[in-house]
Protein backbone atom coordinates (compact mmCIF):
# COMPACT_ATOMS: atom_id res chain seq x y z
CA UNK A 1 0.31 0.06 0.02
CA UNK A 2 1.29 3.38 -0.92
CA UNK A 3 1.45 6.11 1.41
CA UNK A 4 0.13 9.49 0.57
CA UNK A 5 1.69 13.40 1.84
CA UNK A 6 -1.79 14.76 3.22
CA UNK A 7 -1.94 18.60 3.66
CA UNK A 8 -3.69 20.48 5.80
CA UNK A 9 -5.51 23.70 4.74
CA UNK A 10 -6.10 25.27 8.04
CA UNK A 11 -2.67 25.06 9.89
CA UNK A 12 -0.40 24.79 6.21
CA UNK A 13 1.74 21.65 7.69
CA UNK A 14 2.29 18.32 6.21
CA UNK A 15 0.88 14.97 7.33
CA UNK A 16 0.87 11.34 6.14
CA UNK A 17 -2.33 11.22 8.53
CA UNK A 18 -5.81 11.83 7.56
CA UNK A 19 -6.44 14.26 10.71
CA UNK A 20 -3.90 16.81 11.09
CA UNK A 21 -1.69 16.38 14.69
CA UNK A 22 -1.56 20.22 15.46
CA UNK A 23 -5.29 21.36 14.49
CA UNK A 24 -7.61 18.36 14.22
CA UNK A 25 -8.59 19.21 10.82
CA UNK A 26 -9.59 17.01 7.79
CA UNK A 27 -6.60 17.02 5.24
CA UNK A 28 -6.44 16.47 1.70
CA UNK A 29 -4.25 15.78 -0.90
CA UNK A 30 -2.02 18.14 -2.22
CA UNK A 31 -0.25 17.27 -6.06
CA UNK A 32 -0.09 19.76 -9.11
CA UNK A 33 -2.56 19.70 -11.74
CA UNK A 34 -2.54 17.35 -14.49
CA UNK A 35 -0.55 19.14 -17.13
CA UNK A 36 -1.98 19.67 -20.66
CA UNK A 37 -0.47 21.70 -23.64
CA UNK A 38 -3.91 22.98 -24.31
CA UNK A 39 -4.36 24.70 -21.15
CA UNK A 40 -7.30 27.10 -21.51
CA UNK A 41 -6.60 28.62 -18.29
CA UNK A 42 -2.89 29.81 -18.60
CA UNK A 43 -2.80 33.49 -19.28
CA UNK A 44 -4.80 33.78 -16.53
CA UNK A 45 -2.67 32.21 -14.44
CA UNK A 46 0.14 33.82 -15.74
CA UNK A 47 -1.59 37.30 -15.24
CA UNK A 48 -1.92 36.40 -11.61
CA UNK A 49 1.21 35.66 -10.76
CA UNK A 50 2.61 38.99 -12.27
CA UNK A 51 0.36 40.88 -10.07
CA UNK A 52 1.39 38.60 -7.11
CA UNK A 53 5.06 39.41 -8.26
CA UNK A 54 3.99 43.10 -8.51
CA UNK A 55 2.98 42.46 -5.23
CA UNK A 56 6.08 42.18 -4.48
CA UNK A 57 7.79 44.31 -5.47
CA UNK A 58 9.89 41.73 -7.02
CA UNK A 59 9.62 43.35 -10.78
């Protein structure tokens, strides 16, 4: 049986359990979105990243 790495969205911690040991919240699997060369939302994602970098004064 393969083990999975879970992520708690409440306290931003990774764990191997179904419930976070720190805050007792339900955890979820965190994995990246499937890659597609025909990505419909790539433009919006790049715009959001650009805005975020401008706010952080990186560009």
